[in-house]
Every structure is written in structure tokens, then in C-alpha cells.
Amino acid sequence: MSLDERFKKAADDVQKLKSKPSNDDLLEIYALFKQGSVGDCNTDRPGMLDLKGKAKWDAWNGKKGMSQDKAKEEYIAKVESLIQSIGLQ
């Protein structure tokens, strides 16, 4: 399986977890997914009243400079570890 195929499969699998991961895990998989699919953060930081949006932006922006392939590899590894700890439906 190619890296892109494994990345897409991990993105599908994360939707099938038995329970919702912790907020830290959610931010990590969000940031790695965005970095792997889009690249460096390309939007303005949300306003001060959008706490969730700011947390997501900060997580993604924290991956700045990471290659898309490296982000995809880390995303796949993170999803696999969540599957091991939480399981799939």
C-alpha cells in the first residue's frame, strides 16, 4: 500500500474508533492530518472568542516545517496507537 493509501485508510479508521479520544489526541491527529494533507498552516489565527478554533490552529501551526510525508507517517502511527488503546467499533 502506498503512503497516500495508508493515510486515507487511517483517516477512515479514526472515524470508527469505539470512543472519542482525549482532546490532546484529537488536536494531535487534527494537526497531523492538516499538515499531511495541506502542508504548513495557511490561514489567519481565529479570534479570541473562538477557543476551539484557536486550539486547532495552534496545533496545526505547531507542525510548521514538517514535510507532508513525515506528517502522514506520524498520523498513521498515531491512529494505529489509538486503535490499539481504544479499539474499533
N, C-alpha and C. Protein backbone atom coordinates (compact mmCIF):
# COMPACT_ATOMS: atom_id res chain seq x y z
N MET A 1 0.85 -1.19 0.00
CA MET A 1 0.00 0.00 0.00
C MET A 1 0.89 1.25 0.00
N SER A 2 0.53 2.23 -0.80
CA SER A 2 1.31 3.47 -0.84
C SER A 2 1.05 4.29 0.42
N LEU A 3 1.90 5.28 0.64
CA LEU A 3 1.74 6.16 1.80
C LEU A 3 0.38 6.86 1.76
N ASP A 4 -0.02 7.36 0.59
CA ASP A 4 -1.31 8.05 0.48
C ASP A 4 -2.48 7.11 0.77
N GLU A 5 -2.38 5.86 0.32
CA GLU A 5 -3.44 4.89 0.60
C GLU A 5 -3.52 4.58 2.10
N ARG A 6 -2.36 4.42 2.73
CA ARG A 6 -2.33 4.16 4.18
C ARG A 6 -2.86 5.37 4.95
N PHE A 7 -2.56 6.58 4.48
CA PHE A 7 -3.05 7.81 5.11
C PHE A 7 -4.57 7.88 5.02
N LYS A 8 -5.13 7.57 3.84
CA LYS A 8 -6.57 7.60 3.66
C LYS A 8 -7.24 6.53 4.53
N LYS A 9 -6.64 5.35 4.61
CA LYS A 9 -7.20 4.28 5.44
C LYS A 9 -7.20 4.70 6.91
N ALA A 10 -6.11 5.33 7.36
CA ALA A 10 -6.04 5.80 8.75
C ALA A 10 -7.12 6.85 9.00
N ALA A 11 -7.34 7.74 8.03
CA ALA A 11 -8.38 8.77 8.16
C ALA A 11 -9.76 8.13 8.26
N ASP A 12 -9.97 7.05 7.52
CA ASP A 12 -11.25 6.32 7.62
C ASP A 12 -11.36 5.61 8.96
N ASP A 13 -10.27 4.97 9.39
CA ASP A 13 -10.28 4.21 10.64
C ASP A 13 -10.52 5.09 11.86
N VAL A 14 -10.00 6.31 11.84
CA VAL A 14 -10.15 7.19 13.01
C VAL A 14 -11.62 7.53 13.25
N GLN A 15 -12.42 7.48 12.19
CA GLN A 15 -13.86 7.73 12.33
C GLN A 15 -14.59 6.55 12.99
N LYS A 16 -13.92 5.39 13.06
CA LYS A 16 -14.56 4.16 13.55
C LYS A 16 -14.08 3.77 14.95
N LEU A 17 -13.38 4.66 15.65
CA LEU A 17 -12.91 4.33 16.99
C LEU A 17 -14.10 4.09 17.92
N LYS A 18 -13.93 3.17 18.88
CA LYS A 18 -15.02 2.83 19.81
C LYS A 18 -15.47 4.02 20.64
N SER A 19 -14.51 4.84 21.06
CA SER A 19 -14.86 6.01 21.85
C SER A 19 -14.03 7.20 21.39
N LYS A 20 -14.44 8.38 21.82
CA LYS A 20 -13.76 9.61 21.41
C LYS A 20 -12.41 9.71 22.13
N PRO A 21 -11.34 9.98 21.38
CA PRO A 21 -10.02 10.16 22.01
C PRO A 21 -10.00 11.43 22.89
N SER A 22 -8.96 11.56 23.69
CA SER A 22 -8.82 12.76 24.52
C SER A 22 -8.65 13.99 23.65
N ASN A 23 -8.88 15.16 24.23
CA ASN A 23 -8.72 16.41 23.47
C ASN A 23 -7.31 16.55 22.93
N ASP A 24 -6.30 16.18 23.74
CA ASP A 24 -4.91 16.26 23.27
C ASP A 24 -4.69 15.37 22.06
N ASP A 25 -5.24 14.14 22.12
CA ASP A 25 -5.11 13.23 20.98
C ASP A 25 -5.84 13.77 19.76
N LEU A 26 -7.03 14.34 19.98
CA LEU A 26 -7.79 14.91 18.86
C LEU A 26 -7.03 16.06 18.20
N LEU A 27 -6.43 16.92 19.00
CA LEU A 27 -5.65 18.04 18.44
C LEU A 27 -4.44 17.52 17.67
N GLU A 28 -3.79 16.49 18.19
CA GLU A 28 -2.62 15.92 17.53
C GLU A 28 -3.01 15.31 16.18
N ILE A 29 -4.07 14.52 16.15
CA ILE A 29 -4.45 13.91 14.87
C ILE A 29 -4.97 14.96 13.89
N TYR A 30 -5.63 15.99 14.40
CA TYR A 30 -6.08 17.08 13.53
C TYR A 30 -4.87 17.77 12.89
N ALA A 31 -3.90 18.13 13.73
CA ALA A 31 -2.72 18.85 13.23
C ALA A 31 -1.93 18.01 12.23
N LEU A 32 -1.75 16.73 12.53
CA LEU A 32 -1.01 15.87 11.62
C LEU A 32 -1.77 15.66 10.31
N PHE A 33 -3.10 15.53 10.40
CA PHE A 33 -3.91 15.37 9.19
C PHE A 33 -3.80 16.61 8.31
N LYS A 34 -3.96 17.78 8.91
CA LYS A 34 -3.89 19.03 8.14
C LYS A 34 -2.50 19.22 7.53
N GLN A 35 -1.46 18.95 8.31
CA GLN A 35 -0.10 19.11 7.80
C GLN A 35 0.16 18.11 6.68
N GLY A 36 -0.36 16.89 6.84
CA GLY A 36 -0.17 15.87 5.81
C GLY A 36 -0.96 16.12 4.55
N SER A 37 -2.13 16.73 4.68
CA SER A 37 -2.97 16.93 3.50
C SER A 37 -2.82 18.31 2.88
N VAL A 38 -2.55 19.34 3.68
CA VAL A 38 -2.47 20.72 3.17
C VAL A 38 -1.04 21.25 3.16
N GLY A 39 -0.27 20.90 4.19
CA GLY A 39 1.06 21.47 4.37
C GLY A 39 1.02 22.51 5.48
N ASP A 40 1.96 23.43 5.47
CA ASP A 40 2.02 24.44 6.52
C ASP A 40 0.72 25.23 6.61
N CYS A 41 0.41 25.65 7.83
CA CYS A 41 -0.80 26.43 8.11
C CYS A 41 -0.85 27.65 7.19
N ASN A 42 -2.00 27.84 6.54
CA ASN A 42 -2.11 28.90 5.53
C ASN A 42 -3.29 29.83 5.82
N THR A 43 -3.75 29.87 7.06
CA THR A 43 -4.89 30.72 7.42
C THR A 43 -4.51 31.62 8.59
N ASP A 44 -5.28 32.67 8.79
CA ASP A 44 -5.07 33.54 9.94
C ASP A 44 -5.56 32.86 11.20
N ARG A 45 -4.95 33.21 12.32
CA ARG A 45 -5.37 32.65 13.61
C ARG A 45 -6.77 33.17 13.94
N PRO A 46 -7.68 32.27 14.38
CA PRO A 46 -9.03 32.71 14.73
C PRO A 46 -9.04 33.74 15.86
N GLY A 47 -10.14 34.47 15.98
CA GLY A 47 -10.29 35.49 17.01
C GLY A 47 -10.30 34.93 18.41
N MET A 48 -10.20 35.81 19.39
CA MET A 48 -10.03 35.37 20.77
C MET A 48 -11.25 34.67 21.35
N LEU A 49 -12.41 34.84 20.76
CA LEU A 49 -13.60 34.18 21.28
C LEU A 49 -13.76 32.76 20.73
N ASP A 50 -13.02 32.41 19.70
CA ASP A 50 -13.09 31.07 19.10
C ASP A 50 -12.01 30.18 19.73
N LEU A 51 -12.26 29.71 20.94
CA LEU A 51 -11.26 28.94 21.67
C LEU A 51 -10.91 27.63 20.98
N LYS A 52 -11.93 26.92 20.50
CA LYS A 52 -11.68 25.65 19.81
C LYS A 52 -10.88 25.88 18.53
N GLY A 53 -11.28 26.89 17.76
CA GLY A 53 -10.58 27.21 16.52
C GLY A 53 -9.13 27.59 16.76
N LYS A 54 -8.90 28.36 17.83
CA LYS A 54 -7.51 28.76 18.15
C LYS A 54 -6.68 27.55 18.53
N ALA A 55 -7.26 26.64 19.33
CA ALA A 55 -6.52 25.44 19.75
C ALA A 55 -6.15 24.59 18.53
N LYS A 56 -7.08 24.44 17.60
CA LYS A 56 -6.81 23.67 16.39
C LYS A 56 -5.76 24.37 15.53
N TRP A 57 -5.88 25.69 15.39
CA TRP A 57 -4.91 26.45 14.60
C TRP A 57 -3.52 26.34 15.21
N ASP A 58 -3.44 26.51 16.54
CA ASP A 58 -2.14 26.43 17.23
C ASP A 58 -1.51 25.05 17.06
N ALA A 59 -2.33 23.99 17.14
CA ALA A 59 -1.81 22.63 16.98
C ALA A 59 -1.26 22.44 15.57
N TRP A 60 -2.02 22.90 14.56
CA TRP A 60 -1.57 22.76 13.18
C TRP A 60 -0.33 23.62 12.93
N ASN A 61 -0.35 24.86 13.38
CA ASN A 61 0.79 25.75 13.17
C ASN A 61 2.04 25.22 13.87
N GLY A 62 1.86 24.44 14.93
CA GLY A 62 3.00 23.83 15.63
C GLY A 62 3.73 22.80 14.79
N LYS A 63 3.12 22.35 13.72
CA LYS A 63 3.75 21.37 12.81
C LYS A 63 4.44 22.05 11.64
N LYS A 64 4.48 23.37 11.65
CA LYS A 64 5.08 24.15 10.55
C LYS A 64 6.48 23.64 10.24
N GLY A 65 6.75 23.44 8.96
CA GLY A 65 8.06 23.00 8.52
C GLY A 65 8.18 21.48 8.38
N MET A 66 7.24 20.74 8.97
CA MET A 66 7.27 19.28 8.84
C MET A 66 6.82 18.92 7.42
N SER A 67 7.53 17.99 6.79
CA SER A 67 7.14 17.59 5.44
C SER A 67 5.79 16.87 5.48
N GLN A 68 5.08 16.93 4.37
CA GLN A 68 3.78 16.28 4.31
C GLN A 68 3.92 14.77 4.48
N ASP A 69 4.96 14.18 3.90
CA ASP A 69 5.15 12.73 4.05
C ASP A 69 5.42 12.35 5.50
N LYS A 70 6.24 13.14 6.20
CA LYS A 70 6.52 12.85 7.61
C LYS A 70 5.24 13.00 8.44
N ALA A 71 4.45 14.02 8.15
CA ALA A 71 3.18 14.21 8.86
C ALA A 71 2.24 13.03 8.62
N LYS A 72 2.20 12.54 7.38
CA LYS A 72 1.35 11.38 7.07
C LYS A 72 1.81 10.16 7.85
N GLU A 73 3.13 9.92 7.89
CA GLU A 73 3.67 8.78 8.64
C GLU A 73 3.30 8.88 10.12
N GLU A 74 3.47 10.08 10.70
CA GLU A 74 3.15 10.27 12.12
C GLU A 74 1.66 10.14 12.37
N TYR A 75 0.84 10.61 11.44
CA TYR A 75 -0.61 10.48 11.56
C TYR A 75 -1.01 9.00 11.58
N ILE A 76 -0.46 8.23 10.65
CA ILE A 76 -0.76 6.79 10.57
C ILE A 76 -0.36 6.10 11.87
N ALA A 77 0.83 6.43 12.39
CA ALA A 77 1.30 5.83 13.64
C ALA A 77 0.40 6.22 14.81
N LYS A 78 -0.04 7.48 14.86
CA LYS A 78 -0.91 7.95 15.94
C LYS A 78 -2.25 7.23 15.89
N VAL A 79 -2.82 7.11 14.70
CA VAL A 79 -4.11 6.42 14.57
C VAL A 79 -3.96 4.95 14.97
N GLU A 80 -2.86 4.31 14.56
CA GLU A 80 -2.65 2.91 14.94
C GLU A 80 -2.54 2.76 16.46
N SER A 81 -1.88 3.71 17.13
CA SER A 81 -1.78 3.63 18.59
C SER A 81 -3.14 3.85 19.25
N LEU A 82 -3.98 4.73 18.68
CA LEU A 82 -5.33 4.93 19.21
C LEU A 82 -6.18 3.68 19.01
N ILE A 83 -6.02 3.01 17.88
CA ILE A 83 -6.76 1.78 17.64
C ILE A 83 -6.36 0.72 18.66
N GLN A 84 -5.05 0.66 18.97
CA GLN A 84 -4.57 -0.30 19.97
C GLN A 84 -5.16 -0.01 21.36
N SER A 85 -5.24 1.27 21.73
CA SER A 85 -5.70 1.62 23.07
C SER A 85 -7.22 1.69 23.19
N ILE A 86 -7.91 2.12 22.13
CA ILE A 86 -9.37 2.33 22.19
C ILE A 86 -10.12 1.20 21.48
N GLY A 87 -9.59 0.78 20.34
CA GLY A 87 -10.25 -0.24 19.54
C GLY A 87 -11.20 0.38 18.52
N LEU A 88 -11.62 -0.46 17.58
CA LEU A 88 -12.56 -0.03 16.54
C LEU A 88 -13.94 -0.57 16.85
N GLN A 89 -14.95 0.10 16.32
CA GLN A 89 -16.34 -0.36 16.51
C GLN A 89 -16.56 -1.66 15.78
